[in-house]
Amino acid sequence: MTDKNIWFLERSIPLFGLLDFFPEDAIGPPAKGQDKSWGKIVNMLKIETDQGWSMETDISSDQKVFRNRSSRRGTGKWVKDADLKAGDLIVIERIDSHVYRLSKGTKDA
């Protein structure tokens, strides 16, 4: 991660190349409005953070990012709370089928 990436990460965490790590039923309609042809049920993911709070989200099918569905600010809040800096790693661990943990790691860990 670079300093330039931090600004982008305050808005969303890209999941390109990681979609197979998440259940298919957690991928929702495109981000721009509700797709009227979207006929499948979307099950929310619970994302527990290393900052002591959690959020509910699905994954936007077109942007391939967590889409915040909870009252919290989502991944942008986590980036700020975790004080993410260039060189830090974003660690996503599967706890259960629809429960994941989001934490900050370092290259030395």
N, C-alpha and C. Protein backbone atom coordinates (compact mmCIF):
# COMPACT_ATOMS: atom_id res chain seq x y z
N MET A 1 0.83 -1.16 0.00
CA MET A 1 0.00 0.00 0.00
C MET A 1 0.89 1.24 0.00
N THR A 2 0.44 2.26 -0.71
CA THR A 2 1.21 3.49 -0.80
C THR A 2 0.39 4.64 -0.21
N ASP A 3 1.03 5.79 -0.03
CA ASP A 3 0.31 6.97 0.47
C ASP A 3 -0.86 7.33 -0.44
N LYS A 4 -0.69 7.13 -1.75
CA LYS A 4 -1.75 7.46 -2.69
C LYS A 4 -2.96 6.55 -2.50
N ASN A 5 -2.74 5.30 -2.09
CA ASN A 5 -3.84 4.36 -1.88
C ASN A 5 -4.69 4.70 -0.68
N ILE A 6 -4.12 5.35 0.34
CA ILE A 6 -4.85 5.62 1.57
C ILE A 6 -6.12 6.43 1.28
N TRP A 7 -6.03 7.46 0.44
CA TRP A 7 -7.19 8.27 0.11
C TRP A 7 -8.30 7.39 -0.47
N PHE A 8 -7.96 6.51 -1.39
CA PHE A 8 -8.96 5.63 -2.00
C PHE A 8 -9.55 4.68 -0.96
N LEU A 9 -8.70 4.14 -0.09
CA LEU A 9 -9.17 3.18 0.91
C LEU A 9 -10.11 3.80 1.93
N GLU A 10 -10.02 5.11 2.12
CA GLU A 10 -10.95 5.77 3.03
C GLU A 10 -12.36 5.77 2.45
N ARG A 11 -12.51 5.44 1.19
CA ARG A 11 -13.82 5.35 0.56
C ARG A 11 -14.29 3.91 0.38
N SER A 12 -13.38 3.00 0.09
CA SER A 12 -13.75 1.60 -0.09
C SER A 12 -12.49 0.73 -0.13
N ILE A 13 -12.68 -0.54 0.21
CA ILE A 13 -11.58 -1.50 0.14
C ILE A 13 -11.84 -2.40 -1.07
N PRO A 14 -10.97 -2.36 -2.09
CA PRO A 14 -11.20 -3.18 -3.28
C PRO A 14 -11.03 -4.67 -2.98
N LEU A 15 -11.93 -5.46 -3.56
CA LEU A 15 -11.91 -6.91 -3.34
C LEU A 15 -11.65 -7.68 -4.63
N PHE A 16 -11.18 -7.00 -5.67
CA PHE A 16 -10.85 -7.68 -6.93
C PHE A 16 -9.87 -8.82 -6.62
N GLY A 17 -10.08 -9.96 -7.19
CA GLY A 17 -9.20 -11.09 -6.97
C GLY A 17 -9.46 -11.84 -5.66
N LEU A 18 -10.37 -11.33 -4.84
CA LEU A 18 -10.69 -11.98 -3.56
C LEU A 18 -12.12 -12.49 -3.50
N LEU A 19 -12.89 -12.32 -4.54
CA LEU A 19 -14.32 -12.65 -4.48
C LEU A 19 -14.57 -14.12 -4.14
N ASP A 20 -13.69 -15.02 -4.55
CA ASP A 20 -13.87 -16.44 -4.23
C ASP A 20 -13.73 -16.71 -2.74
N PHE A 21 -13.16 -15.77 -1.99
CA PHE A 21 -12.98 -15.91 -0.54
C PHE A 21 -14.29 -15.68 0.20
N PHE A 22 -15.27 -15.05 -0.45
CA PHE A 22 -16.55 -14.71 0.16
C PHE A 22 -17.66 -15.55 -0.44
N PRO A 23 -18.74 -15.78 0.34
CA PRO A 23 -19.86 -16.57 -0.21
C PRO A 23 -20.54 -15.83 -1.36
N GLU A 24 -20.92 -16.57 -2.37
CA GLU A 24 -21.54 -15.98 -3.56
C GLU A 24 -22.82 -15.21 -3.21
N ASP A 25 -23.55 -15.67 -2.18
CA ASP A 25 -24.81 -15.00 -1.83
C ASP A 25 -24.61 -13.68 -1.09
N ALA A 26 -23.37 -13.26 -0.89
CA ALA A 26 -23.08 -11.95 -0.28
C ALA A 26 -22.78 -10.89 -1.33
N ILE A 27 -22.81 -11.29 -2.59
CA ILE A 27 -22.57 -10.33 -3.68
C ILE A 27 -23.92 -9.79 -4.12
N GLY A 28 -24.07 -8.47 -3.98
CA GLY A 28 -25.34 -7.82 -4.25
C GLY A 28 -25.39 -7.12 -5.59
N PRO A 29 -26.46 -6.38 -5.81
CA PRO A 29 -26.64 -5.69 -7.09
C PRO A 29 -25.59 -4.60 -7.30
N PRO A 30 -25.52 -4.07 -8.52
CA PRO A 30 -24.58 -2.99 -8.79
C PRO A 30 -24.78 -1.80 -7.86
N ALA A 31 -23.73 -1.02 -7.69
CA ALA A 31 -23.75 0.10 -6.75
C ALA A 31 -24.70 1.21 -7.18
N LYS A 32 -24.82 1.44 -8.46
CA LYS A 32 -25.64 2.55 -8.95
C LYS A 32 -27.11 2.16 -9.00
N GLY A 33 -27.80 2.35 -7.91
CA GLY A 33 -29.23 2.06 -7.85
C GLY A 33 -29.50 0.57 -7.71
N GLN A 34 -30.71 0.25 -7.46
CA GLN A 34 -31.13 -1.13 -7.31
C GLN A 34 -31.45 -1.70 -8.69
N ASP A 35 -30.77 -2.76 -9.06
CA ASP A 35 -30.99 -3.40 -10.35
C ASP A 35 -32.31 -4.16 -10.29
N LYS A 36 -33.29 -3.74 -11.08
CA LYS A 36 -34.62 -4.35 -11.06
C LYS A 36 -34.59 -5.81 -11.47
N SER A 37 -33.56 -6.21 -12.24
CA SER A 37 -33.48 -7.59 -12.69
C SER A 37 -32.75 -8.48 -11.67
N TRP A 38 -32.28 -7.88 -10.57
CA TRP A 38 -31.53 -8.64 -9.56
C TRP A 38 -32.52 -9.49 -8.79
N GLY A 39 -32.59 -10.77 -9.12
CA GLY A 39 -33.61 -11.63 -8.54
C GLY A 39 -33.13 -12.51 -7.41
N LYS A 40 -31.88 -12.42 -7.04
CA LYS A 40 -31.40 -13.34 -6.01
C LYS A 40 -31.36 -12.67 -4.63
N ILE A 41 -31.46 -13.51 -3.62
CA ILE A 41 -31.38 -13.04 -2.23
C ILE A 41 -29.93 -12.75 -1.89
N VAL A 42 -29.72 -11.63 -1.22
CA VAL A 42 -28.37 -11.26 -0.80
C VAL A 42 -28.28 -11.38 0.71
N ASN A 43 -27.35 -12.17 1.19
CA ASN A 43 -27.12 -12.33 2.63
C ASN A 43 -25.95 -11.45 3.05
N MET A 44 -26.18 -10.70 4.09
CA MET A 44 -25.18 -9.75 4.57
C MET A 44 -23.99 -10.46 5.22
N LEU A 45 -22.85 -9.81 5.15
CA LEU A 45 -21.65 -10.24 5.86
C LEU A 45 -21.53 -9.41 7.12
N LYS A 46 -21.05 -10.01 8.18
CA LYS A 46 -20.70 -9.26 9.38
C LYS A 46 -19.18 -9.13 9.37
N ILE A 47 -18.70 -7.90 9.43
CA ILE A 47 -17.27 -7.63 9.44
C ILE A 47 -16.91 -7.12 10.83
N GLU A 48 -16.19 -7.93 11.59
CA GLU A 48 -15.69 -7.52 12.91
C GLU A 48 -14.34 -6.85 12.68
N THR A 49 -14.07 -5.76 13.39
CA THR A 49 -12.81 -5.07 13.19
C THR A 49 -11.91 -5.17 14.42
N ASP A 50 -10.65 -4.90 14.21
CA ASP A 50 -9.69 -4.87 15.31
C ASP A 50 -9.83 -3.57 16.12
N GLN A 51 -10.80 -2.76 15.77
CA GLN A 51 -11.05 -1.51 16.48
C GLN A 51 -12.20 -1.64 17.48
N GLY A 52 -12.73 -2.86 17.63
CA GLY A 52 -13.76 -3.12 18.63
C GLY A 52 -15.19 -2.86 18.19
N TRP A 53 -15.42 -2.67 16.91
CA TRP A 53 -16.77 -2.51 16.40
C TRP A 53 -16.93 -3.36 15.14
N SER A 54 -18.16 -3.56 14.72
CA SER A 54 -18.43 -4.37 13.53
C SER A 54 -19.41 -3.63 12.63
N MET A 55 -19.55 -4.14 11.41
CA MET A 55 -20.48 -3.56 10.45
C MET A 55 -21.10 -4.67 9.63
N GLU A 56 -22.26 -4.37 9.04
CA GLU A 56 -22.89 -5.28 8.10
C GLU A 56 -22.66 -4.73 6.70
N THR A 57 -22.43 -5.64 5.77
CA THR A 57 -22.15 -5.22 4.40
C THR A 57 -22.51 -6.34 3.43
N ASP A 58 -22.68 -5.95 2.19
CA ASP A 58 -22.65 -6.92 1.10
C ASP A 58 -21.52 -6.45 0.18
N ILE A 59 -21.36 -7.09 -0.94
CA ILE A 59 -20.30 -6.73 -1.89
C ILE A 59 -20.96 -6.24 -3.17
N SER A 60 -20.62 -5.05 -3.60
CA SER A 60 -21.16 -4.49 -4.82
C SER A 60 -20.67 -5.32 -6.01
N SER A 61 -21.62 -5.81 -6.83
CA SER A 61 -21.24 -6.70 -7.94
C SER A 61 -20.46 -5.98 -9.03
N ASP A 62 -20.63 -4.68 -9.16
CA ASP A 62 -19.91 -3.98 -10.22
C ASP A 62 -18.61 -3.36 -9.73
N GLN A 63 -18.59 -2.83 -8.51
CA GLN A 63 -17.38 -2.17 -8.02
C GLN A 63 -16.47 -3.10 -7.21
N LYS A 64 -16.99 -4.27 -6.83
CA LYS A 64 -16.19 -5.27 -6.10
C LYS A 64 -15.60 -4.68 -4.81
N VAL A 65 -16.45 -4.02 -4.02
CA VAL A 65 -16.05 -3.44 -2.74
C VAL A 65 -17.11 -3.78 -1.70
N PHE A 66 -16.72 -3.73 -0.41
CA PHE A 66 -17.71 -3.83 0.65
C PHE A 66 -18.63 -2.61 0.54
N ARG A 67 -19.92 -2.87 0.62
CA ARG A 67 -20.90 -1.78 0.60
C ARG A 67 -21.53 -1.73 1.99
N ASN A 68 -21.29 -0.66 2.70
CA ASN A 68 -21.75 -0.55 4.09
C ASN A 68 -23.28 -0.58 4.16
N ARG A 69 -23.81 -1.47 4.98
CA ARG A 69 -25.25 -1.59 5.19
C ARG A 69 -25.61 -1.39 6.67
N SER A 70 -24.68 -0.87 7.44
CA SER A 70 -24.92 -0.67 8.87
C SER A 70 -24.95 0.82 9.18
N SER A 71 -25.22 1.15 10.42
CA SER A 71 -25.30 2.56 10.82
C SER A 71 -23.92 3.20 10.97
N ARG A 72 -22.88 2.40 10.96
CA ARG A 72 -21.52 2.94 11.06
C ARG A 72 -21.05 3.41 9.68
N ARG A 73 -19.92 4.08 9.63
CA ARG A 73 -19.42 4.62 8.37
C ARG A 73 -18.71 3.58 7.52
N GLY A 74 -18.54 2.40 7.98
CA GLY A 74 -17.97 1.35 7.15
C GLY A 74 -16.46 1.33 7.10
N THR A 75 -15.94 0.86 5.96
CA THR A 75 -14.50 0.64 5.85
C THR A 75 -13.69 1.93 5.94
N GLY A 76 -14.26 3.05 5.50
CA GLY A 76 -13.56 4.33 5.64
C GLY A 76 -13.31 4.67 7.10
N LYS A 77 -14.28 4.40 7.95
CA LYS A 77 -14.11 4.62 9.39
C LYS A 77 -12.99 3.72 9.91
N TRP A 78 -12.97 2.46 9.45
CA TRP A 78 -11.93 1.55 9.92
C TRP A 78 -10.54 2.05 9.49
N VAL A 79 -10.38 2.49 8.24
CA VAL A 79 -9.09 2.98 7.76
C VAL A 79 -8.59 4.10 8.66
N LYS A 80 -9.47 5.03 9.02
CA LYS A 80 -9.08 6.14 9.89
C LYS A 80 -8.82 5.67 11.32
N ASP A 81 -9.73 4.86 11.88
CA ASP A 81 -9.58 4.38 13.25
C ASP A 81 -8.30 3.55 13.42
N ALA A 82 -7.98 2.74 12.41
CA ALA A 82 -6.79 1.88 12.47
C ALA A 82 -5.52 2.65 12.16
N ASP A 83 -5.65 3.90 11.76
CA ASP A 83 -4.51 4.74 11.41
C ASP A 83 -3.64 4.06 10.35
N LEU A 84 -4.31 3.57 9.31
CA LEU A 84 -3.63 2.86 8.23
C LEU A 84 -2.63 3.77 7.54
N LYS A 85 -1.45 3.26 7.32
CA LYS A 85 -0.37 4.04 6.70
C LYS A 85 0.28 3.21 5.59
N ALA A 86 1.01 3.89 4.73
CA ALA A 86 1.73 3.20 3.66
C ALA A 86 2.61 2.11 4.28
N GLY A 87 2.58 0.93 3.70
CA GLY A 87 3.35 -0.20 4.20
C GLY A 87 2.55 -1.15 5.06
N ASP A 88 1.40 -0.68 5.60
CA ASP A 88 0.54 -1.56 6.38
C ASP A 88 -0.20 -2.52 5.46
N LEU A 89 -0.61 -3.64 6.00
CA LEU A 89 -1.39 -4.62 5.26
C LEU A 89 -2.82 -4.62 5.76
N ILE A 90 -3.76 -4.93 4.88
CA ILE A 90 -5.15 -5.13 5.27
C ILE A 90 -5.36 -6.63 5.33
N VAL A 91 -5.75 -7.11 6.51
CA VAL A 91 -5.93 -8.55 6.73
C VAL A 91 -7.42 -8.83 6.88
N ILE A 92 -7.93 -9.75 6.07
CA ILE A 92 -9.32 -10.18 6.15
C ILE A 92 -9.31 -11.68 6.45
N GLU A 93 -9.86 -12.05 7.61
CA GLU A 93 -9.90 -13.45 8.03
C GLU A 93 -11.33 -13.95 8.03
N ARG A 94 -11.55 -15.18 7.59
CA ARG A 94 -12.87 -15.79 7.67
C ARG A 94 -13.03 -16.42 9.06
N ILE A 95 -14.08 -16.01 9.77
CA ILE A 95 -14.40 -16.56 11.09
C ILE A 95 -15.48 -17.63 10.95
N ASP A 96 -16.47 -17.35 10.12
CA ASP A 96 -17.58 -18.25 9.86
C ASP A 96 -18.05 -17.96 8.42
N SER A 97 -19.07 -18.64 7.95
CA SER A 97 -19.46 -18.50 6.55
C SER A 97 -19.77 -17.05 6.15
N HIS A 98 -20.37 -16.28 7.03
CA HIS A 98 -20.73 -14.89 6.74
C HIS A 98 -20.17 -13.92 7.78
N VAL A 99 -19.14 -14.35 8.48
CA VAL A 99 -18.49 -13.51 9.50
C VAL A 99 -17.00 -13.44 9.20
N TYR A 100 -16.48 -12.21 9.12
CA TYR A 100 -15.08 -11.98 8.79
C TYR A 100 -14.49 -10.99 9.77
N ARG A 101 -13.17 -10.98 9.87
CA ARG A 101 -12.47 -10.03 10.73
C ARG A 101 -11.55 -9.19 9.86
N LEU A 102 -11.63 -7.89 10.04
CA LEU A 102 -10.81 -6.92 9.32
C LEU A 102 -9.81 -6.33 10.29
N SER A 103 -8.53 -6.46 9.98
CA SER A 103 -7.51 -5.94 10.88
C SER A 103 -6.31 -5.41 10.09
N LYS A 104 -5.50 -4.66 10.79
CA LYS A 104 -4.30 -4.09 10.19
C LYS A 104 -3.12 -5.01 10.51
N GLY A 105 -2.32 -5.28 9.50
CA GLY A 105 -1.12 -6.08 9.70
C GLY A 105 0.09 -5.30 9.20
N THR A 106 1.25 -5.82 9.48
CA THR A 106 2.47 -5.21 8.99
C THR A 106 3.28 -6.27 8.24
N LYS A 107 4.18 -5.85 7.41
CA LYS A 107 5.00 -6.79 6.65
C LYS A 107 5.88 -7.62 7.57
N ASP A 108 6.19 -7.09 8.75
CA ASP A 108 7.06 -7.80 9.68
C ASP A 108 6.32 -8.85 10.51
N ALA A 109 4.98 -8.81 10.51
CA ALA A 109 4.21 -9.73 11.37
C ALA A 109 4.12 -11.12 10.79
